Amino acid sequence: MFHQQVTRLRGVSVTDRYENTTLDWSNPARLIVNGVSVQPRARTETTTDGRTVLVSGWWLCTAPGVDVDLTAADRVEHDGLVLEVDGDVARWPDPDGDGVHHVEAALRRVTG
């Protein structure tokens, strides 16, 4: 189940001339993560003003013992798709009390 690989994308923090800090996604920091499973979840389709927007949900889970530096501000590249982390990342504690057992994150892709 945990035979997939993803790339964690992290935007680079930049400050503009007005002292606003934003994330620059033109050349994100990349981290390859092995030992994960990425599965499709629910999707919704909405049409407004003649424009159709499709939101596809995905779920990422790491193998037992695999922790990953992933935050709600990151993105994940999987199978040619760039997915946004949707909300907080869950780090489940090891039942033996020794670190993280596994990590789960909701992902989404918005098109349209």
PDB file of N, CA and C in Angstrom:
ATOM      1  N   MET A   1       0.811  -1.198   0.000  1.00  0.00           N
ATOM      2  CA  MET A   1       0.000   0.000   0.000  1.00  0.00           C
ATOM      3  C   MET A   1       0.861   1.272   0.000  1.00  0.00           C
ATOM      4  N   PHE A   2       2.022   1.230   0.581  1.00  0.00           N
ATOM      5  CA  PHE A   2       2.860   2.431   0.727  1.00  0.00           C
ATOM      6  C   PHE A   2       4.038   2.412  -0.242  1.00  0.00           C
ATOM      7  N   HIS A   3       3.769   2.091  -1.485  1.00  0.00           N
ATOM      8  CA  HIS A   3       4.822   1.969  -2.491  1.00  0.00           C
ATOM      9  C   HIS A   3       4.962   3.213  -3.369  1.00  0.00           C
ATOM     10  N   GLN A   4       4.205   4.262  -3.079  1.00  0.00           N
ATOM     11  CA  GLN A   4       4.252   5.457  -3.915  1.00  0.00           C
ATOM     12  C   GLN A   4       5.275   6.470  -3.408  1.00  0.00           C
ATOM     13  N   GLN A   5       5.583   7.409  -4.285  1.00  0.00           N
ATOM     14  CA  GLN A   5       6.522   8.490  -3.983  1.00  0.00           C
ATOM     15  C   GLN A   5       5.855   9.811  -4.339  1.00  0.00           C
ATOM     16  N   VAL A   6       6.058  10.816  -3.506  1.00  0.00           N
ATOM     17  CA  VAL A   6       5.583  12.168  -3.796  1.00  0.00           C
ATOM     18  C   VAL A   6       6.743  13.134  -3.611  1.00  0.00           C
ATOM     19  N   THR A   7       6.543  14.343  -4.105  1.00  0.00           N
ATOM     20  CA  THR A   7       7.520  15.400  -3.870  1.00  0.00           C
ATOM     21  C   THR A   7       6.826  16.512  -3.109  1.00  0.00           C
ATOM     22  N   ARG A   8       7.351  16.826  -1.945  1.00  0.00           N
ATOM     23  CA  ARG A   8       6.820  17.949  -1.178  1.00  0.00           C
ATOM     24  C   ARG A   8       7.370  19.232  -1.785  1.00  0.00           C
ATOM     25  N   LEU A   9       6.491  20.180  -2.090  1.00  0.00           N
ATOM     26  CA  LEU A   9       6.888  21.475  -2.626  1.00  0.00           C
ATOM     27  C   LEU A   9       6.657  22.525  -1.556  1.00  0.00           C
ATOM     28  N   ARG A  10       7.661  23.349  -1.304  1.00  0.00           N
ATOM     29  CA  ARG A  10       7.547  24.407  -0.301  1.00  0.00           C
ATOM     30  C   ARG A  10       7.919  25.731  -0.957  1.00  0.00           C
ATOM     31  N   GLY A  11       6.947  26.652  -0.972  1.00  0.00           N
ATOM     32  CA  GLY A  11       7.188  27.970  -1.534  1.00  0.00           C
ATOM     33  C   GLY A  11       8.263  28.712  -0.750  1.00  0.00           C
ATOM     34  N   VAL A  12       8.993  29.544  -1.461  1.00  0.00           N
ATOM     35  CA  VAL A  12      10.055  30.331  -0.839  1.00  0.00           C
ATOM     36  C   VAL A  12       9.458  31.646  -0.365  1.00  0.00           C
ATOM     37  N   SER A  13       9.689  31.985   0.887  1.00  0.00           N
ATOM     38  CA  SER A  13       9.157  33.226   1.461  1.00  0.00           C
ATOM     39  C   SER A  13       9.908  34.429   0.899  1.00  0.00           C
ATOM     40  N   VAL A  14       9.150  35.383   0.342  1.00  0.00           N
ATOM     41  CA  VAL A  14       9.743  36.597  -0.214  1.00  0.00           C
ATOM     42  C   VAL A  14       9.001  37.816   0.349  1.00  0.00           C
ATOM     43  N   THR A  15       9.719  38.921   0.445  1.00  0.00           N
ATOM     44  CA  THR A  15       9.139  40.168   0.925  1.00  0.00           C
ATOM     45  C   THR A  15       9.197  41.187  -0.194  1.00  0.00           C
ATOM     46  N   ASP A  16       8.035  41.823  -0.480  1.00  0.00           N
ATOM     47  CA  ASP A  16       8.013  42.821  -1.549  1.00  0.00           C
ATOM     48  C   ASP A  16       8.424  44.196  -1.015  1.00  0.00           C
ATOM     49  N   ARG A  17       8.421  45.167  -1.879  1.00  0.00           N
ATOM     50  CA  ARG A  17       8.890  46.502  -1.496  1.00  0.00           C
ATOM     51  C   ARG A  17       7.992  47.181  -0.472  1.00  0.00           C
ATOM     52  N   TYR A  18       6.787  46.636  -0.255  1.00  0.00           N
ATOM     53  CA  TYR A  18       5.874  47.189   0.745  1.00  0.00           C
ATOM     54  C   TYR A  18       5.931  46.407   2.063  1.00  0.00           C
ATOM     55  N   GLU A  19       6.917  45.512   2.167  1.00  0.00           N
ATOM     56  CA  GLU A  19       7.137  44.687   3.363  1.00  0.00           C
ATOM     57  C   GLU A  19       6.073  43.606   3.554  1.00  0.00           C
ATOM     58  N   ASN A  20       5.383  43.229   2.469  1.00  0.00           N
ATOM     59  CA  ASN A  20       4.430  42.113   2.513  1.00  0.00           C
ATOM     60  C   ASN A  20       5.180  40.821   2.239  1.00  0.00           C
ATOM     61  N   THR A  21       4.943  39.826   3.051  1.00  0.00           N
ATOM     62  CA  THR A  21       5.589  38.530   2.866  1.00  0.00           C
ATOM     63  C   THR A  21       4.614  37.575   2.192  1.00  0.00           C
ATOM     64  N   THR A  22       5.062  36.953   1.119  1.00  0.00           N
ATOM     65  CA  THR A  22       4.260  35.976   0.389  1.00  0.00           C
ATOM     66  C   THR A  22       5.131  34.779   0.038  1.00  0.00           C
ATOM     67  N   LEU A  23       4.507  33.747  -0.481  1.00  0.00           N
ATOM     68  CA  LEU A  23       5.248  32.574  -0.929  1.00  0.00           C
ATOM     69  C   LEU A  23       5.414  32.634  -2.439  1.00  0.00           C
ATOM     70  N   ASP A  24       6.635  32.435  -2.894  1.00  0.00           N
ATOM     71  CA  ASP A  24       6.950  32.395  -4.315  1.00  0.00           C
ATOM     72  C   ASP A  24       6.996  30.926  -4.737  1.00  0.00           C
ATOM     73  N   TRP A  25       6.114  30.555  -5.666  1.00  0.00           N
ATOM     74  CA  TRP A  25       6.025  29.166  -6.116  1.00  0.00           C
ATOM     75  C   TRP A  25       6.745  28.932  -7.439  1.00  0.00           C
ATOM     76  N   SER A  26       7.471  29.944  -7.943  1.00  0.00           N
ATOM     77  CA  SER A  26       8.135  29.790  -9.233  1.00  0.00           C
ATOM     78  C   SER A  26       9.289  28.786  -9.185  1.00  0.00           C
ATOM     79  N   ASN A  27       9.923  28.628  -8.039  1.00  0.00           N
ATOM     80  CA  ASN A  27      11.015  27.670  -7.880  1.00  0.00           C
ATOM     81  C   ASN A  27      10.988  27.135  -6.442  1.00  0.00           C
ATOM     82  N   PRO A  28       9.987  26.305  -6.117  1.00  0.00           N
ATOM     83  CA  PRO A  28       9.846  25.850  -4.733  1.00  0.00           C
ATOM     84  C   PRO A  28      10.951  24.891  -4.306  1.00  0.00           C
ATOM     85  N   ALA A  29      11.186  24.835  -3.001  1.00  0.00           N
ATOM     86  CA  ALA A  29      12.091  23.828  -2.445  1.00  0.00           C
ATOM     87  C   ALA A  29      11.406  22.475  -2.595  1.00  0.00           C
ATOM     88  N   ARG A  30      12.172  21.464  -2.997  1.00  0.00           N
ATOM     89  CA  ARG A  30      11.600  20.144  -3.281  1.00  0.00           C
ATOM     90  C   ARG A  30      12.193  19.094  -2.343  1.00  0.00           C
ATOM     91  N   LEU A  31      11.335  18.201  -1.850  1.00  0.00           N
ATOM     92  CA  LEU A  31      11.772  17.101  -0.989  1.00  0.00           C
ATOM     93  C   LEU A  31      11.043  15.846  -1.441  1.00  0.00           C
ATOM     94  N   ILE A  32      11.785  14.825  -1.876  1.00  0.00           N
ATOM     95  CA  ILE A  32      11.186  13.561  -2.307  1.00  0.00           C
ATOM     96  C   ILE A  32      10.870  12.730  -1.069  1.00  0.00           C
ATOM     97  N   VAL A  33       9.653  12.182  -1.043  1.00  0.00           N
ATOM     98  CA  VAL A  33       9.198  11.370   0.087  1.00  0.00           C
ATOM     99  C   VAL A  33       8.743  10.017  -0.449  1.00  0.00           C
ATOM    100  N   ASN A  34       9.370   8.958   0.028  1.00  0.00           N
ATOM    101  CA  ASN A  34       8.996   7.591  -0.332  1.00  0.00           C
ATOM    102  C   ASN A  34       8.164   6.979   0.782  1.00  0.00           C
ATOM    103  N   GLY A  35       7.494   5.892   0.484  1.00  0.00           N
ATOM    104  CA  GLY A  35       6.738   5.172   1.499  1.00  0.00           C
ATOM    105  C   GLY A  35       5.411   5.820   1.829  1.00  0.00           C
ATOM    106  N   VAL A  36       4.704   6.282   0.793  1.00  0.00           N
ATOM    107  CA  VAL A  36       3.398   6.910   1.008  1.00  0.00           C
ATOM    108  C   VAL A  36       2.344   6.238   0.139  1.00  0.00           C
ATOM    109  N   SER A  37       1.097   6.496   0.497  1.00  0.00           N
ATOM    110  CA  SER A  37      -0.041   6.087  -0.308  1.00  0.00           C
ATOM    111  C   SER A  37      -0.878   7.332  -0.563  1.00  0.00           C
ATOM    112  N   VAL A  38      -1.208   7.584  -1.819  1.00  0.00           N
ATOM    113  CA  VAL A  38      -2.063   8.714  -2.188  1.00  0.00           C
ATOM    114  C   VAL A  38      -3.286   8.132  -2.883  1.00  0.00           C
ATOM    115  N   GLN A  39      -4.457   8.431  -2.335  1.00  0.00           N
ATOM    116  CA  GLN A  39      -5.698   7.868  -2.850  1.00  0.00           C
ATOM    117  C   GLN A  39      -6.688   8.976  -3.188  1.00  0.00           C
ATOM    118  N   PRO A  40      -7.490   8.798  -4.248  1.00  0.00           N
ATOM    119  CA  PRO A  40      -8.508   9.801  -4.569  1.00  0.00           C
ATOM    120  C   PRO A  40      -9.638   9.779  -3.550  1.00  0.00           C
ATOM    121  N   ARG A  41     -10.228  10.939  -3.345  1.00  0.00           N
ATOM    122  CA  ARG A  41     -11.386  11.093  -2.462  1.00  0.00           C
ATOM    123  C   ARG A  41     -12.497  11.772  -3.242  1.00  0.00           C
ATOM    124  N   ALA A  42     -13.439  12.327  -2.549  1.00  0.00           N
ATOM    125  CA  ALA A  42     -14.607  12.958  -3.169  1.00  0.00           C
ATOM    126  C   ALA A  42     -14.208  14.123  -4.063  1.00  0.00           C
ATOM    127  N   ARG A  43     -15.067  14.424  -5.024  1.00  0.00           N
ATOM    128  CA  ARG A  43     -14.852  15.584  -5.869  1.00  0.00           C
ATOM    129  C   ARG A  43     -16.174  16.324  -6.006  1.00  0.00           C
ATOM    130  N   THR A  44     -16.067  17.611  -6.200  1.00  0.00           N
ATOM    131  CA  THR A  44     -17.261  18.422  -6.398  1.00  0.00           C
ATOM    132  C   THR A  44     -17.105  19.236  -7.667  1.00  0.00           C
ATOM    133  N   GLU A  45     -18.231  19.489  -8.307  1.00  0.00           N
ATOM    134  CA  GLU A  45     -18.240  20.285  -9.531  1.00  0.00           C
ATOM    135  C   GLU A  45     -19.283  21.377  -9.370  1.00  0.00           C
ATOM    136  N   THR A  46     -18.884  22.624  -9.608  1.00  0.00           N
ATOM    137  CA  THR A  46     -19.764  23.767  -9.464  1.00  0.00           C
ATOM    138  C   THR A  46     -19.668  24.626 -10.710  1.00  0.00           C
ATOM    139  N   THR A  47     -20.822  25.076 -11.197  1.00  0.00           N
ATOM    140  CA  THR A  47     -20.828  25.977 -12.347  1.00  0.00           C
ATOM    141  C   THR A  47     -21.412  27.313 -11.917  1.00  0.00           C
ATOM    142  N   THR A  48     -20.626  28.367 -12.115  1.00  0.00           N
ATOM    143  CA  THR A  48     -21.044  29.725 -11.788  1.00  0.00           C
ATOM    144  C   THR A  48     -20.676  30.636 -12.950  1.00  0.00           C
ATOM    145  N   ASP A  49     -21.637  31.413 -13.395  1.00  0.00           N
ATOM    146  CA  ASP A  49     -21.406  32.354 -14.508  1.00  0.00           C
ATOM    147  C   ASP A  49     -20.795  31.661 -15.724  1.00  0.00           C
ATOM    148  N   GLY A  50     -21.256  30.453 -16.007  1.00  0.00           N
ATOM    149  CA  GLY A  50     -20.771  29.726 -17.166  1.00  0.00           C
ATOM    150  C   GLY A  50     -19.410  29.076 -17.000  1.00  0.00           C
ATOM    151  N   ARG A  51     -18.836  29.162 -15.818  1.00  0.00           N
ATOM    152  CA  ARG A  51     -17.509  28.591 -15.549  1.00  0.00           C
ATOM    153  C   ARG A  51     -17.660  27.400 -14.613  1.00  0.00           C
ATOM    154  N   THR A  52     -17.109  26.284 -15.006  1.00  0.00           N
ATOM    155  CA  THR A  52     -17.187  25.083 -14.186  1.00  0.00           C
ATOM    156  C   THR A  52     -15.891  24.911 -13.401  1.00  0.00           C
ATOM    157  N   VAL A  53     -16.034  24.747 -12.099  1.00  0.00           N
ATOM    158  CA  VAL A  53     -14.882  24.530 -11.222  1.00  0.00           C
ATOM    159  C   VAL A  53     -14.981  23.125 -10.639  1.00  0.00           C
ATOM    160  N   LEU A  54     -13.915  22.368 -10.785  1.00  0.00           N
ATOM    161  CA  LEU A  54     -13.851  21.010 -10.264  1.00  0.00           C
ATOM    162  C   LEU A  54     -12.835  20.969  -9.123  1.00  0.00           C
ATOM    163  N   VAL A  55     -13.278  20.508  -7.967  1.00  0.00           N
ATOM    164  CA  VAL A  55     -12.386  20.336  -6.815  1.00  0.00           C
ATOM    165  C   VAL A  55     -12.267  18.844  -6.551  1.00  0.00           C
ATOM    166  N   SER A  56     -11.072  18.316  -6.755  1.00  0.00           N
ATOM    167  CA  SER A  56     -10.808  16.890  -6.545  1.00  0.00           C
ATOM    168  C   SER A  56     -10.082  16.708  -5.223  1.00  0.00           C
ATOM    169  N   GLY A  57     -10.602  15.827  -4.385  1.00  0.00           N
ATOM    170  CA  GLY A  57      -9.977  15.547  -3.100  1.00  0.00           C
ATOM    171  C   GLY A  57      -9.064  14.332  -3.187  1.00  0.00           C
ATOM    172  N   TRP A  58      -7.977  14.377  -2.433  1.00  0.00           N
ATOM    173  CA  TRP A  58      -7.015  13.285  -2.353  1.00  0.00           C
ATOM    174  C   TRP A  58      -6.641  13.088  -0.888  1.00  0.00           C
ATOM    175  N   TRP A  59      -6.100  11.935  -0.566  1.00  0.00           N
ATOM    176  CA  TRP A  59      -5.689  11.626   0.804  1.00  0.00           C
ATOM    177  C   TRP A  59      -4.298  11.026   0.753  1.00  0.00           C
ATOM    178  N   LEU A  60      -3.398  11.564   1.584  1.00  0.00           N
ATOM    179  CA  LEU A  60      -2.023  11.072   1.676  1.00  0.00           C
ATOM    180  C   LEU A  60      -1.823  10.446   3.048  1.00  0.00           C
ATOM    181  N   CYS A  61      -1.238   9.273   3.064  1.00  0.00           N
ATOM    182  CA  CYS A  61      -0.903   8.595   4.317  1.00  0.00           C
ATOM    183  C   CYS A  61       0.488   7.986   4.175  1.00  0.00           C
ATOM    184  N   THR A  62       1.333   8.171   5.193  1.00  0.00           N
ATOM    185  CA  THR A  62       2.668   7.583   5.138  1.00  0.00           C
ATOM    186  C   THR A  62       2.652   6.204   5.788  1.00  0.00           C
ATOM    187  N   ALA A  63       3.632   5.419   5.441  1.00  0.00           N
ATOM    188  CA  ALA A  63       3.796   4.097   6.045  1.00  0.00           C
ATOM    189  C   ALA A  63       4.141   4.255   7.523  1.00  0.00           C
ATOM    190  N   PRO A  64       3.861   3.240   8.328  1.00  0.00           N
ATOM    191  CA  PRO A  64       4.260   3.298   9.738  1.00  0.00           C
ATOM    192  C   PRO A  64       5.758   3.591   9.863  1.00  0.00           C
ATOM    193  N   GLY A  65       6.076   4.551  10.721  1.00  0.00           N
ATOM    194  CA  GLY A  65       7.463   4.935  10.956  1.00  0.00           C
ATOM    195  C   GLY A  65       7.968   6.024  10.024  1.00  0.00           C
ATOM    196  N   VAL A  66       7.165   6.433   9.034  1.00  0.00           N
ATOM    197  CA  VAL A  66       7.583   7.472   8.095  1.00  0.00           C
ATOM    198  C   VAL A  66       6.953   8.804   8.495  1.00  0.00           C
ATOM    199  N   ASP A  67       7.790   9.739   8.902  1.00  0.00           N
ATOM    200  CA  ASP A  67       7.353  11.106   9.202  1.00  0.00           C
ATOM    201  C   ASP A  67       7.803  11.966   8.028  1.00  0.00           C
ATOM    202  N   VAL A  68       7.100  13.040   7.781  1.00  0.00           N
ATOM    203  CA  VAL A  68       7.466  13.930   6.684  1.00  0.00           C
ATOM    204  C   VAL A  68       7.244  15.365   7.136  1.00  0.00           C
ATOM    205  N   ASP A  69       8.174  16.224   6.795  1.00  0.00           N
ATOM    206  CA  ASP A  69       8.065  17.654   7.105  1.00  0.00           C
ATOM    207  C   ASP A  69       7.076  18.257   6.118  1.00  0.00           C
ATOM    208  N   LEU A  70       5.801  18.269   6.493  1.00  0.00           N
ATOM    209  CA  LEU A  70       4.725  18.744   5.641  1.00  0.00           C
ATOM    210  C   LEU A  70       3.830  19.656   6.461  1.00  0.00           C
ATOM    211  N   THR A  71       3.499  20.824   5.903  1.00  0.00           N
ATOM    212  CA  THR A  71       2.631  21.778   6.603  1.00  0.00           C
ATOM    213  C   THR A  71       1.452  22.145   5.705  1.00  0.00           C
ATOM    214  N   ALA A  72       0.489  22.843   6.277  1.00  0.00           N
ATOM    215  CA  ALA A  72      -0.696  23.276   5.535  1.00  0.00           C
ATOM    216  C   ALA A  72      -0.348  24.258   4.421  1.00  0.00           C
ATOM    217  N   ALA A  73       0.800  24.897   4.486  1.00  0.00           N
ATOM    218  CA  ALA A  73       1.217  25.870   3.467  1.00  0.00           C
ATOM    219  C   ALA A  73       1.921  25.210   2.278  1.00  0.00           C
ATOM    220  N   ASP A  74       2.210  23.918   2.362  1.00  0.00           N
ATOM    221  CA  ASP A  74       2.953  23.216   1.318  1.00  0.00           C
ATOM    222  C   ASP A  74       2.039  22.709   0.209  1.00  0.00           C
ATOM    223  N   ARG A  75       2.660  22.211  -0.829  1.00  0.00           N
ATOM    224  CA  ARG A  75       1.973  21.521  -1.916  1.00  0.00           C
ATOM    225  C   ARG A  75       2.649  20.172  -2.115  1.00  0.00           C
ATOM    226  N   VAL A  76       1.953  19.269  -2.773  1.00  0.00           N
ATOM    227  CA  VAL A  76       2.479  17.928  -3.007  1.00  0.00           C
ATOM    228  C   VAL A  76       2.349  17.619  -4.491  1.00  0.00           C
ATOM    229  N   GLU A  77       3.444  17.153  -5.089  1.00  0.00           N
ATOM    230  CA  GLU A  77       3.423  16.730  -6.482  1.00  0.00           C
ATOM    231  C   GLU A  77       3.308  15.214  -6.512  1.00  0.00           C
ATOM    232  N   HIS A  78       2.285  14.739  -7.229  1.00  0.00           N
ATOM    233  CA  HIS A  78       2.047  13.299  -7.300  1.00  0.00           C
ATOM    234  C   HIS A  78       1.525  12.935  -8.684  1.00  0.00           C
ATOM    235  N   ASP A  79       2.199  12.042  -9.330  1.00  0.00           N
ATOM    236  CA  ASP A  79       1.749  11.509 -10.612  1.00  0.00           C
ATOM    237  C   ASP A  79       1.449  12.618 -11.621  1.00  0.00           C
ATOM    238  N   GLY A  80       2.302  13.638 -11.650  1.00  0.00           N
ATOM    239  CA  GLY A  80       2.155  14.734 -12.590  1.00  0.00           C
ATOM    240  C   GLY A  80       1.181  15.828 -12.168  1.00  0.00           C
ATOM    241  N   LEU A  81       0.542  15.668 -11.012  1.00  0.00           N
ATOM    242  CA  LEU A  81      -0.402  16.657 -10.505  1.00  0.00           C
ATOM    243  C   LEU A  81       0.215  17.434  -9.354  1.00  0.00           C
ATOM    244  N   VAL A  82      -0.129  18.712  -9.247  1.00  0.00           N
ATOM    245  CA  VAL A  82       0.271  19.501  -8.088  1.00  0.00           C
ATOM    246  C   VAL A  82      -0.977  19.686  -7.233  1.00  0.00           C
ATOM    247  N   LEU A  83      -0.906  19.205  -6.000  1.00  0.00           N
ATOM    248  CA  LEU A  83      -2.032  19.216  -5.075  1.00  0.00           C
ATOM    249  C   LEU A  83      -1.720  20.123  -3.895  1.00  0.00           C
ATOM    250  N   GLU A  84      -2.713  20.848  -3.432  1.00  0.00           N
ATOM    251  CA  GLU A  84      -2.564  21.706  -2.254  1.00  0.00           C
ATOM    252  C   GLU A  84      -2.862  20.897  -1.007  1.00  0.00           C
ATOM    253  N   VAL A  85      -2.138  21.159   0.073  1.00  0.00           N
ATOM    254  CA  VAL A  85      -2.480  20.565   1.360  1.00  0.00           C
ATOM    255  C   VAL A  85      -3.718  21.298   1.850  1.00  0.00           C
ATOM    256  N   ASP A  86      -4.754  20.546   2.196  1.00  0.00           N
ATOM    257  CA  ASP A  86      -6.052  21.107   2.568  1.00  0.00           C
ATOM    258  C   ASP A  86      -6.252  20.988   4.076  1.00  0.00           C
ATOM    259  N   GLY A  87      -5.785  21.996   4.809  1.00  0.00           N
ATOM    260  CA  GLY A  87      -5.936  21.994   6.270  1.00  0.00           C
ATOM    261  C   GLY A  87      -4.689  21.493   6.974  1.00  0.00           C
ATOM    262  N   ASP A  88      -4.851  21.229   8.250  1.00  0.00           N
ATOM    263  CA  ASP A  88      -3.725  20.787   9.073  1.00  0.00           C
ATOM    264  C   ASP A  88      -3.294  19.372   8.724  1.00  0.00           C
ATOM    265  N   VAL A  89      -2.029  19.100   8.940  1.00  0.00           N
ATOM    266  CA  VAL A  89      -1.448  17.776   8.727  1.00  0.00           C
ATOM    267  C   VAL A  89      -1.503  17.024  10.054  1.00  0.00           C
ATOM    268  N   ALA A  90      -1.989  15.780  10.019  1.00  0.00           N
ATOM    269  CA  ALA A  90      -2.119  14.973  11.243  1.00  0.00           C
ATOM    270  C   ALA A  90      -0.897  14.076  11.404  1.00  0.00           C
ATOM    271  N   ARG A  91      -0.275  14.181  12.557  1.00  0.00           N
ATOM    272  CA  ARG A  91       0.840  13.304  12.907  1.00  0.00           C
ATOM    273  C   ARG A  91       0.371  12.403  14.043  1.00  0.00           C
ATOM    274  N   TRP A  92       0.207  11.119  13.733  1.00  0.00           N
ATOM    275  CA  TRP A  92      -0.308  10.176  14.713  1.00  0.00           C
ATOM    276  C   TRP A  92       0.840   9.612  15.541  1.00  0.00           C
ATOM    277  N   PRO A  93       0.715   9.672  16.866  1.00  0.00           N
ATOM    278  CA  PRO A  93       1.805   9.185  17.728  1.00  0.00           C
ATOM    279  C   PRO A  93       1.936   7.665  17.673  1.00  0.00           C
ATOM    280  N   ASP A  94       3.166   7.217  17.844  1.00  0.00           N
ATOM    281  CA  ASP A  94       3.427   5.792  17.912  1.00  0.00           C
ATOM    282  C   ASP A  94       2.803   5.236  19.185  1.00  0.00           C
ATOM    283  N   PRO A  95       2.092   4.107  19.114  1.00  0.00           N
ATOM    284  CA  PRO A  95       1.476   3.539  20.323  1.00  0.00           C
ATOM    285  C   PRO A  95       2.487   3.206  21.420  1.00  0.00           C
ATOM    286  N   ASP A  96       3.728   2.973  21.023  1.00  0.00           N
ATOM    287  CA  ASP A  96       4.766   2.665  22.010  1.00  0.00           C
ATOM    288  C   ASP A  96       5.358   3.924  22.625  1.00  0.00           C
ATOM    289  N   GLY A  97       4.847   5.105  22.192  1.00  0.00           N
ATOM    290  CA  GLY A  97       5.331   6.366  22.743  1.00  0.00           C
ATOM    291  C   GLY A  97       6.664   6.814  22.183  1.00  0.00           C
ATOM    292  N   ASP A  98       7.020   6.299  21.013  1.00  0.00           N
ATOM    293  CA  ASP A  98       8.326   6.606  20.433  1.00  0.00           C
ATOM    294  C   ASP A  98       8.170   7.351  19.108  1.00  0.00           C
ATOM    295  N   GLY A  99       7.844   8.639  19.168  1.00  0.00           N
ATOM    296  CA  GLY A  99       7.771   9.457  17.960  1.00  0.00           C
ATOM    297  C   GLY A  99       6.458   9.361  17.210  1.00  0.00           C
ATOM    298  N   VAL A 100       6.535   9.547  15.901  1.00  0.00           N
ATOM    299  CA  VAL A 100       5.368   9.560  15.032  1.00  0.00           C
ATOM    300  C   VAL A 100       5.165   8.185  14.413  1.00  0.00           C
ATOM    301  N   HIS A 101       3.949   7.674  14.482  1.00  0.00           N
ATOM    302  CA  HIS A 101       3.635   6.398  13.848  1.00  0.00           C
ATOM    303  C   HIS A 101       3.450   6.583  12.348  1.00  0.00           C
ATOM    304  N   HIS A 102       2.603   7.566  11.969  1.00  0.00           N
ATOM    305  CA  HIS A 102       2.409   7.878  10.553  1.00  0.00           C
ATOM    306  C   HIS A 102       1.809   9.270  10.416  1.00  0.00           C
ATOM    307  N   VAL A 103       1.778   9.773   9.188  1.00  0.00           N
ATOM    308  CA  VAL A 103       1.276  11.112   8.893  1.00  0.00           C
ATOM    309  C   VAL A 103       0.124  10.977   7.904  1.00  0.00           C
ATOM    310  N   GLU A 104      -0.928  11.789   8.102  1.00  0.00           N
ATOM    311  CA  GLU A 104      -2.049  11.846   7.166  1.00  0.00           C
ATOM    312  C   GLU A 104      -2.316  13.287   6.796  1.00  0.00           C
ATOM    313  N   ALA A 105      -2.677  13.509   5.522  1.00  0.00           N
ATOM    314  CA  ALA A 105      -2.997  14.858   5.066  1.00  0.00           C
ATOM    315  C   ALA A 105      -4.060  14.791   3.973  1.00  0.00           C
ATOM    316  N   ALA A 106      -5.016  15.710   4.057  1.00  0.00           N
ATOM    317  CA  ALA A 106      -5.987  15.877   2.984  1.00  0.00           C
ATOM    318  C   ALA A 106      -5.350  16.776   1.929  1.00  0.00           C
ATOM    319  N   LEU A 107      -5.562  16.425   0.666  1.00  0.00           N
ATOM    320  CA  LEU A 107      -5.015  17.196  -0.448  1.00  0.00           C
ATOM    321  C   LEU A 107      -6.167  17.550  -1.379  1.00  0.00           C
ATOM    322  N   ARG A 108      -5.981  18.601  -2.174  1.00  0.00           N
ATOM    323  CA  ARG A 108      -7.008  18.945  -3.161  1.00  0.00           C
ATOM    324  C   ARG A 108      -6.372  19.577  -4.391  1.00  0.00           C
ATOM    325  N   ARG A 109      -7.109  19.445  -5.480  1.00  0.00           N
ATOM    326  CA  ARG A 109      -6.717  20.053  -6.744  1.00  0.00           C
ATOM    327  C   ARG A 109      -7.923  20.788  -7.284  1.00  0.00           C
ATOM    328  N   VAL A 110      -7.752  22.073  -7.568  1.00  0.00           N
ATOM    329  CA  VAL A 110      -8.837  22.899  -8.081  1.00  0.00           C
ATOM    330  C   VAL A 110      -8.537  23.230  -9.540  1.00  0.00           C
ATOM    331  N   THR A 111      -9.475  22.917 -10.438  1.00  0.00           N
ATOM    332  CA  THR A 111      -9.305  23.233 -11.855  1.00  0.00           C
ATOM    333  C   THR A 111     -10.558  23.934 -12.373  1.00  0.00           C
ATOM    334  N   GLY A 112     -10.360  24.733 -13.387  1.00  0.00           N
ATOM    335  CA  GLY A 112     -11.523  25.372 -14.008  1.00  0.00           C
ATOM    336  C   GLY A 112     -11.477  26.858 -14.005  1.00  0.00           C
TER     337      GLY A 112
END
